[in-house]
């Protein structure tokens, strides 16, 4: 997957959406006191935020790697 094909702004948008979704899930899970809400908080919320952070870090790494030029 090349960064020039997708663009860094797309990676950042995806990372932002994942982090916001994770925060929304965590807010919803804090509204009720129930054992399943803790599971929702930990499994869904934390994994969404973690995947958003990973997408952000991958976009930084791909922005640093120079594109490979094909010779003749």
PDB file of N, CA and C in Angstrom:
ATOM      1  N   UNK A   1       0.841  -1.161   0.000  1.00  0.00           N
ATOM      2  CA  UNK A   1       0.000   0.000   0.000  1.00  0.00           C
ATOM      3  C   UNK A   1       0.891   1.230   0.000  1.00  0.00           C
ATOM      4  N   UNK A   2       0.763   2.051  -1.010  1.00  0.00           N
ATOM      5  CA  UNK A   2       1.581   3.244  -1.118  1.00  0.00           C
ATOM      6  C   UNK A   2       0.871   4.427  -0.478  1.00  0.00           C
ATOM      7  N   UNK A   3       1.670   5.267   0.122  1.00  0.00           N
ATOM      8  CA  UNK A   3       1.107   6.446   0.760  1.00  0.00           C
ATOM      9  C   UNK A   3       0.597   7.426  -0.280  1.00  0.00           C
ATOM     10  N   UNK A   4       1.230   7.472  -1.448  1.00  0.00           N
ATOM     11  CA  UNK A   4       0.800   8.406  -2.490  1.00  0.00           C
ATOM     12  C   UNK A   4      -0.557   8.030  -3.067  1.00  0.00           C
ATOM     13  N   UNK A   5      -0.901   6.734  -3.043  1.00  0.00           N
ATOM     14  CA  UNK A   5      -2.193   6.299  -3.571  1.00  0.00           C
ATOM     15  C   UNK A   5      -3.336   6.712  -2.651  1.00  0.00           C
ATOM     16  N   UNK A   6      -3.144   6.575  -1.375  1.00  0.00           N
ATOM     17  CA  UNK A   6      -4.217   6.843  -0.424  1.00  0.00           C
ATOM     18  C   UNK A   6      -4.098   8.247   0.165  1.00  0.00           C
ATOM     19  N   UNK A   7      -2.912   8.670   0.464  1.00  0.00           N
ATOM     20  CA  UNK A   7      -2.701   9.985   1.047  1.00  0.00           C
ATOM     21  C   UNK A   7      -2.672   9.928   2.559  1.00  0.00           C
ATOM     22  N   UNK A   8      -1.835  10.779   3.116  1.00  0.00           N
ATOM     23  CA  UNK A   8      -1.685  10.772   4.564  1.00  0.00           C
ATOM     24  C   UNK A   8      -2.946  11.277   5.260  1.00  0.00           C
ATOM     25  N   UNK A   9      -3.652  12.212   4.633  1.00  0.00           N
ATOM     26  CA  UNK A   9      -4.856  12.736   5.264  1.00  0.00           C
ATOM     27  C   UNK A   9      -5.921  11.657   5.437  1.00  0.00           C
ATOM     28  N   UNK A  10      -5.934  10.678   4.549  1.00  0.00           N
ATOM     29  CA  UNK A  10      -6.904   9.585   4.686  1.00  0.00           C
ATOM     30  C   UNK A  10      -6.559   8.702   5.886  1.00  0.00           C
ATOM     31  N   UNK A  11      -5.258   8.413   6.054  1.00  0.00           N
ATOM     32  CA  UNK A  11      -4.829   7.646   7.223  1.00  0.00           C
ATOM     33  C   UNK A  11      -5.173   8.381   8.509  1.00  0.00           C
ATOM     34  N   UNK A  12      -4.927   9.684   8.522  1.00  0.00           N
ATOM     35  CA  UNK A  12      -5.212  10.460   9.727  1.00  0.00           C
ATOM     36  C   UNK A  12      -6.709  10.521  10.003  1.00  0.00           C
ATOM     37  N   UNK A  13      -7.516  10.586   8.947  1.00  0.00           N
ATOM     38  CA  UNK A  13      -8.972  10.600   9.128  1.00  0.00           C
ATOM     39  C   UNK A  13      -9.451   9.272   9.703  1.00  0.00           C
ATOM     40  N   UNK A  14      -8.925   8.172   9.196  1.00  0.00           N
ATOM     41  CA  UNK A  14      -9.304   6.850   9.702  1.00  0.00           C
ATOM     42  C   UNK A  14      -8.888   6.708  11.166  1.00  0.00           C
ATOM     43  N   UNK A  15      -7.666   7.154  11.493  1.00  0.00           N
ATOM     44  CA  UNK A  15      -7.193   7.070  12.874  1.00  0.00           C
ATOM     45  C   UNK A  15      -8.065   7.918  13.792  1.00  0.00           C
ATOM     46  N   UNK A  16      -8.424   9.105  13.356  1.00  0.00           N
ATOM     47  CA  UNK A  16      -9.274   9.967  14.166  1.00  0.00           C
ATOM     48  C   UNK A  16     -10.653   9.383  14.398  1.00  0.00           C
ATOM     49  N   UNK A  17     -11.225   8.790  13.359  1.00  0.00           N
ATOM     50  CA  UNK A  17     -12.550   8.184  13.495  1.00  0.00           C
ATOM     51  C   UNK A  17     -12.510   7.001  14.458  1.00  0.00           C
ATOM     52  N   UNK A  18     -11.464   6.182  14.379  1.00  0.00           N
ATOM     53  CA  UNK A  18     -11.351   5.040  15.289  1.00  0.00           C
ATOM     54  C   UNK A  18     -11.211   5.503  16.734  1.00  0.00           C
ATOM     55  N   UNK A  19     -10.418   6.537  16.961  1.00  0.00           N
ATOM     56  CA  UNK A  19     -10.235   7.031  18.323  1.00  0.00           C
ATOM     57  C   UNK A  19     -11.526   7.639  18.860  1.00  0.00           C
ATOM     58  N   UNK A  20     -12.226   8.398  18.027  1.00  0.00           N
ATOM     59  CA  UNK A  20     -13.495   8.998  18.466  1.00  0.00           C
ATOM     60  C   UNK A  20     -14.534   7.922  18.755  1.00  0.00           C
ATOM     61  N   UNK A  21     -14.606   6.890  17.911  1.00  0.00           N
ATOM     62  CA  UNK A  21     -15.542   5.794  18.172  1.00  0.00           C
ATOM     63  C   UNK A  21     -15.204   5.080  19.484  1.00  0.00           C
ATOM     64  N   UNK A  22     -13.919   4.876  19.724  1.00  0.00           N
ATOM     65  CA  UNK A  22     -13.511   4.247  20.972  1.00  0.00           C
ATOM     66  C   UNK A  22     -13.889   5.079  22.182  1.00  0.00           C
ATOM     67  N   UNK A  23     -13.714   6.403  22.079  1.00  0.00           N
ATOM     68  CA  UNK A  23     -14.099   7.272  23.192  1.00  0.00           C
ATOM     69  C   UNK A  23     -15.614   7.275  23.405  1.00  0.00           C
ATOM     70  N   UNK A  24     -16.375   7.246  22.319  1.00  0.00           N
ATOM     71  CA  UNK A  24     -17.831   7.190  22.454  1.00  0.00           C
ATOM     72  C   UNK A  24     -18.290   5.894  23.112  1.00  0.00           C
ATOM     73  N   UNK A  25     -17.668   4.782  22.734  1.00  0.00           N
ATOM     74  CA  UNK A  25     -18.013   3.498  23.359  1.00  0.00           C
ATOM     75  C   UNK A  25     -17.680   3.526  24.843  1.00  0.00           C
ATOM     76  N   UNK A  26     -16.548   4.139  25.204  1.00  0.00           N
ATOM     77  CA  UNK A  26     -16.183   4.213  26.612  1.00  0.00           C
ATOM     78  C   UNK A  26     -17.130   5.118  27.388  1.00  0.00           C
ATOM     79  N   UNK A  27     -17.578   6.206  26.779  1.00  0.00           N
ATOM     80  CA  UNK A  27     -18.545   7.083  27.449  1.00  0.00           C
ATOM     81  C   UNK A  27     -19.864   6.351  27.679  1.00  0.00           C
ATOM     82  N   UNK A  28     -20.322   5.627  26.666  1.00  0.00           N
ATOM     83  CA  UNK A  28     -21.580   4.879  26.804  1.00  0.00           C
ATOM     84  C   UNK A  28     -21.444   3.806  27.871  1.00  0.00           C
ATOM     85  N   UNK A  29     -20.283   3.172  27.937  1.00  0.00           N
ATOM     86  CA  UNK A  29     -20.111   2.110  28.928  1.00  0.00           C
ATOM     87  C   UNK A  29     -20.042   2.650  30.352  1.00  0.00           C
ATOM     88  N   UNK A  30     -19.708   3.914  30.519  1.00  0.00           N
ATOM     89  CA  UNK A  30     -19.650   4.495  31.856  1.00  0.00           C
ATOM     90  C   UNK A  30     -21.015   4.972  32.350  1.00  0.00           C
ATOM     91  N   UNK A  31     -22.020   4.979  31.494  1.00  0.00           N
ATOM     92  CA  UNK A  31     -23.341   5.461  31.891  1.00  0.00           C
ATOM     93  C   UNK A  31     -24.075   4.488  32.806  1.00  0.00           C
ATOM     94  N   UNK A  32     -23.838   3.199  32.633  1.00  0.00           N
ATOM     95  CA  UNK A  32     -24.501   2.193  33.465  1.00  0.00           C
ATOM     96  C   UNK A  32     -23.461   1.398  34.233  1.00  0.00           C
ATOM     97  N   UNK A  33     -23.842   0.973  35.413  1.00  0.00           N
ATOM     98  CA  UNK A  33     -22.967   0.128  36.225  1.00  0.00           C
ATOM     99  C   UNK A  33     -23.446  -1.313  36.054  1.00  0.00           C
ATOM    100  N   UNK A  34     -22.681  -2.053  35.264  1.00  0.00           N
ATOM    101  CA  UNK A  34     -23.028  -3.445  34.973  1.00  0.00           C
ATOM    102  C   UNK A  34     -21.734  -4.158  34.581  1.00  0.00           C
ATOM    103  N   UNK A  35     -21.588  -5.423  34.911  1.00  0.00           N
ATOM    104  CA  UNK A  35     -20.351  -6.131  34.555  1.00  0.00           C
ATOM    105  C   UNK A  35     -20.086  -6.180  33.050  1.00  0.00           C
ATOM    106  N   UNK A  36     -21.137  -6.263  32.242  1.00  0.00           N
ATOM    107  CA  UNK A  36     -20.922  -6.299  30.803  1.00  0.00           C
ATOM    108  C   UNK A  36     -20.452  -4.953  30.256  1.00  0.00           C
ATOM    109  N   UNK A  37     -20.757  -3.894  30.950  1.00  0.00           N
ATOM    110  CA  UNK A  37     -20.283  -2.581  30.526  1.00  0.00           C
ATOM    111  C   UNK A  37     -18.769  -2.473  30.690  1.00  0.00           C
ATOM    112  N   UNK A  38     -18.233  -3.137  31.704  1.00  0.00           N
ATOM    113  CA  UNK A  38     -16.781  -3.165  31.854  1.00  0.00           C
ATOM    114  C   UNK A  38     -16.138  -3.927  30.698  1.00  0.00           C
ATOM    115  N   UNK A  39     -16.778  -5.009  30.292  1.00  0.00           N
ATOM    116  CA  UNK A  39     -16.272  -5.776  29.154  1.00  0.00           C
ATOM    117  C   UNK A  39     -16.337  -4.928  27.883  1.00  0.00           C
ATOM    118  N   UNK A  40     -17.425  -4.197  27.705  1.00  0.00           N
ATOM    119  CA  UNK A  40     -17.552  -3.300  26.563  1.00  0.00           C
ATOM    120  C   UNK A  40     -16.465  -2.236  26.600  1.00  0.00           C
ATOM    121  N   UNK A  41     -16.224  -1.693  27.783  1.00  0.00           N
ATOM    122  CA  UNK A  41     -15.202  -0.675  27.960  1.00  0.00           C
ATOM    123  C   UNK A  41     -13.830  -1.208  27.575  1.00  0.00           C
ATOM    124  N   UNK A  42     -13.498  -2.392  28.100  1.00  0.00           N
ATOM    125  CA  UNK A  42     -12.151  -2.901  27.893  1.00  0.00           C
ATOM    126  C   UNK A  42     -11.950  -3.513  26.513  1.00  0.00           C
ATOM    127  N   UNK A  43     -12.873  -4.328  26.080  1.00  0.00           N
ATOM    128  CA  UNK A  43     -12.654  -5.023  24.809  1.00  0.00           C
ATOM    129  C   UNK A  43     -12.888  -4.127  23.601  1.00  0.00           C
ATOM    130  N   UNK A  44     -13.996  -3.451  23.555  1.00  0.00           N
ATOM    131  CA  UNK A  44     -14.348  -2.681  22.366  1.00  0.00           C
ATOM    132  C   UNK A  44     -13.703  -1.298  22.390  1.00  0.00           C
ATOM    133  N   UNK A  45     -13.880  -0.581  23.491  1.00  0.00           N
ATOM    134  CA  UNK A  45     -13.380   0.788  23.564  1.00  0.00           C
ATOM    135  C   UNK A  45     -11.864   0.877  23.464  1.00  0.00           C
ATOM    136  N   UNK A  46     -11.185   0.094  24.264  1.00  0.00           N
ATOM    137  CA  UNK A  46      -9.724   0.138  24.270  1.00  0.00           C
ATOM    138  C   UNK A  46      -9.148  -0.379  22.956  1.00  0.00           C
ATOM    139  N   UNK A  47      -9.769  -1.387  22.367  1.00  0.00           N
ATOM    140  CA  UNK A  47      -9.250  -1.906  21.096  1.00  0.00           C
ATOM    141  C   UNK A  47      -9.462  -0.904  19.957  1.00  0.00           C
ATOM    142  N   UNK A  48     -10.565  -0.161  19.967  1.00  0.00           N
ATOM    143  CA  UNK A  48     -10.759   0.873  18.951  1.00  0.00           C
ATOM    144  C   UNK A  48      -9.737   1.995  19.101  1.00  0.00           C
ATOM    145  N   UNK A  49      -9.506   2.433  20.317  1.00  0.00           N
ATOM    146  CA  UNK A  49      -8.516   3.489  20.538  1.00  0.00           C
ATOM    147  C   UNK A  49      -7.114   2.981  20.183  1.00  0.00           C
ATOM    148  N   UNK A  50      -6.801   1.765  20.563  1.00  0.00           N
ATOM    149  CA  UNK A  50      -5.491   1.190  20.226  1.00  0.00           C
ATOM    150  C   UNK A  50      -5.280   1.044  18.734  1.00  0.00           C
ATOM    151  N   UNK A  51      -6.304   0.619  18.002  1.00  0.00           N
ATOM    152  CA  UNK A  51      -6.161   0.491  16.556  1.00  0.00           C
ATOM    153  C   UNK A  51      -6.053   1.873  15.902  1.00  0.00           C
ATOM    154  N   UNK A  52      -6.722   2.873  16.458  1.00  0.00           N
ATOM    155  CA  UNK A  52      -6.561   4.232  15.943  1.00  0.00           C
ATOM    156  C   UNK A  52      -5.149   4.744  16.130  1.00  0.00           C
ATOM    157  N   UNK A  53      -4.566   4.456  17.278  1.00  0.00           N
ATOM    158  CA  UNK A  53      -3.181   4.858  17.526  1.00  0.00           C
ATOM    159  C   UNK A  53      -2.236   4.129  16.585  1.00  0.00           C
ATOM    160  N   UNK A  54      -2.479   2.835  16.342  1.00  0.00           N
ATOM    161  CA  UNK A  54      -1.625   2.076  15.423  1.00  0.00           C
ATOM    162  C   UNK A  54      -1.712   2.602  13.988  1.00  0.00           C
ATOM    163  N   UNK A  55      -2.917   2.952  13.543  1.00  0.00           N
ATOM    164  CA  UNK A  55      -3.070   3.512  12.195  1.00  0.00           C
ATOM    165  C   UNK A  55      -2.325   4.833  12.091  1.00  0.00           C
ATOM    166  N   UNK A  56      -2.381   5.646  13.133  1.00  0.00           N
ATOM    167  CA  UNK A  56      -1.658   6.908  13.152  1.00  0.00           C
ATOM    168  C   UNK A  56      -0.149   6.679  13.060  1.00  0.00           C
ATOM    169  N   UNK A  57       0.367   5.730  13.845  1.00  0.00           N
ATOM    170  CA  UNK A  57       1.800   5.451  13.816  1.00  0.00           C
ATOM    171  C   UNK A  57       2.247   4.882  12.475  1.00  0.00           C
ATOM    172  N   UNK A  58       1.411   4.039  11.865  1.00  0.00           N
ATOM    173  CA  UNK A  58       1.737   3.503  10.536  1.00  0.00           C
ATOM    174  C   UNK A  58       1.771   4.620   9.504  1.00  0.00           C
ATOM    175  N   UNK A  59       0.863   5.579   9.615  1.00  0.00           N
ATOM    176  CA  UNK A  59       0.876   6.697   8.666  1.00  0.00           C
ATOM    177  C   UNK A  59       2.141   7.523   8.818  1.00  0.00           C
ATOM    178  N   UNK A  60       2.644   7.672  10.041  1.00  0.00           N
ATOM    179  CA  UNK A  60       3.905   8.389  10.235  1.00  0.00           C
ATOM    180  C   UNK A  60       5.076   7.635   9.633  1.00  0.00           C
ATOM    181  N   UNK A  61       5.088   6.322   9.799  1.00  0.00           N
ATOM    182  CA  UNK A  61       6.180   5.514   9.246  1.00  0.00           C
ATOM    183  C   UNK A  61       6.143   5.544   7.724  1.00  0.00           C
ATOM    184  N   UNK A  62       4.970   5.427   7.142  1.00  0.00           N
ATOM    185  CA  UNK A  62       4.869   5.442   5.676  1.00  0.00           C
ATOM    186  C   UNK A  62       5.190   6.812   5.094  1.00  0.00           C
ATOM    187  N   UNK A  63       5.001   7.874   5.859  1.00  0.00           N
ATOM    188  CA  UNK A  63       5.331   9.211   5.365  1.00  0.00           C
ATOM    189  C   UNK A  63       6.839   9.415   5.312  1.00  0.00           C
ATOM    190  N   UNK A  64       7.597   8.700   6.146  1.00  0.00           N
ATOM    191  CA  UNK A  64       9.039   8.851   6.188  1.00  0.00           C
ATOM    192  C   UNK A  64       9.716   8.017   5.110  1.00  0.00           C
ATOM    193  N   UNK A  65       9.158   6.872   4.760  1.00  0.00           N
ATOM    194  CA  UNK A  65       9.767   5.988   3.771  1.00  0.00           C
ATOM    195  C   UNK A  65       9.668   6.618   2.386  1.00  0.00           C
ATOM    196  N   UNK A  66      10.827   6.791   1.709  1.00  0.00           N
ATOM    197  CA  UNK A  66      10.776   7.386   0.363  1.00  0.00           C
ATOM    198  C   UNK A  66      10.197   6.392  -0.642  1.00  0.00           C
ATOM    199  N   UNK A  67       9.480   6.890  -1.658  1.00  0.00           N
ATOM    200  CA  UNK A  67       8.929   5.975  -2.664  1.00  0.00           C
ATOM    201  C   UNK A  67      10.011   5.348  -3.518  1.00  0.00           C
ATOM    202  N   UNK A  68       9.783   4.117  -3.913  1.00  0.00           N
ATOM    203  CA  UNK A  68      10.733   3.392  -4.746  1.00  0.00           C
ATOM    204  C   UNK A  68      10.494   3.745  -6.188  1.00  0.00           C
ATOM    205  N   UNK A  69      11.555   4.166  -6.872  1.00  0.00           N
ATOM    206  CA  UNK A  69      11.445   4.543  -8.278  1.00  0.00           C
ATOM    207  C   UNK A  69      11.788   3.341  -9.157  1.00  0.00           C
ATOM    208  N   UNK A  70      10.960   3.113 -10.178  1.00  0.00           N
ATOM    209  CA  UNK A  70      11.202   2.021 -11.114  1.00  0.00           C
ATOM    210  C   UNK A  70      12.111   2.540 -12.230  1.00  0.00           C
ATOM    211  N   UNK A  71      13.132   1.758 -12.558  1.00  0.00           N
ATOM    212  CA  UNK A  71      14.059   2.157 -13.618  1.00  0.00           C
ATOM    213  C   UNK A  71      13.678   1.446 -14.903  1.00  0.00           C
ATOM    214  N   UNK A  72      13.599   2.262 -15.963  1.00  0.00           N
ATOM    215  CA  UNK A  72      13.337   1.876 -17.325  1.00  0.00           C
ATOM    216  C   UNK A  72      12.803   0.590 -17.581  1.00  0.00           C
TER     217      UNK A  72
END
